[in-house]
């Protein structure tokens, strides 16, 4: 049983969504309805629903801002935007706020249920397939290749272009095999592209993401009247997606060398992962993962090693106090320096200094 909160200022839309939920009482239960952005926040904080179906244009506070507030507090809450096609201009905002899926007004009962179920699947909130809806229904949308979409999205995080290309071509082959059914698949395609855009946020620089113009593709698909238009726009999106992703991998093939060189030249300064990500225009998570994948060691380990190597040199070849060496090597304080030094060398700084004195004949 999953709890649902409906937020829409139009009573007709709220009543329609409620009627859909009432047909599936064993799977979904309504815990509240809101008519404005402030009210949906209040109810969400009180009821903690699994799913919120949220209109974008509402009084007092729009749905996107309300969704952002709710997601900040309850990250696992599924928020599905119930929108008109013109509102895909907000897609990048929705991705930034980590929202989960789209519905296109007027959505059919099947589209509403499919979107909720697939969102639950992606969030791994359910431990088993939701009851009667899938058991009694052998409809077209049940044939949508969710598993293939999962593989495609997961492959994005591997950075393996050939695997991404393989999964993309398999997905497009499926769409081509279902050409005359694509109008019924429209919403599924929209949410597949939306999920891909969300994934790219984690692995590509912002400037490369913006070149994809995903929100424009979402709008074109939602407005397309015929199956061949849907297919053409979808294929164009994936061509652009593959081109930009491959180009990004080529650009990033030597960027970890640049990161390493930057650390070598600036280890005596304060350096953080977020700062490096900003300098090199990559997502911090992607930068960290890519550096380790290319180098075999973490950014933090490399930074510490460079600092300790320089500290050893100063201990053996200067009369600087340990606190001054600590500062000159980029450490916040002496305690941090001593811990890091012991961890890397297995010795105390004083021991290294004594060794240096012996080596230098003092």
Foldseek 3Di string as FASTA:
>chain_A
DFEEEEEAQDPVLVVVVVVLCVVPVVQYDYPYYHNALVVVLVSCVVVVGQEYEAEQDGPPHGRLVSLLVSCVVVVRRAYEYEYALVPLVCLVSCLVSVHAFYHHPPHDSVLVVVSVQLSCVVSVVDPDRDPDVVVVDPDDVVPQPSVLLVQLLVVLLVLPLVSNVVSVVVNLVVCVVVQQCVVVCLRVLLNSLSSSLSSVVQAFFPVLSVVLVSSVLSSQSSPDDHSVSNSVSSVVSVVSVSVSSVVRCVVCVCVLVVVLVVLLVDLLADDDLVVSCVVSRTRSNNSQVVNCVNPVDGPVVSSLVSLLVVLLVCLLPHPDDQQVSCNRRNHPGSVRVQVSNCVVPVDGSVVSSVVSCVVVVD
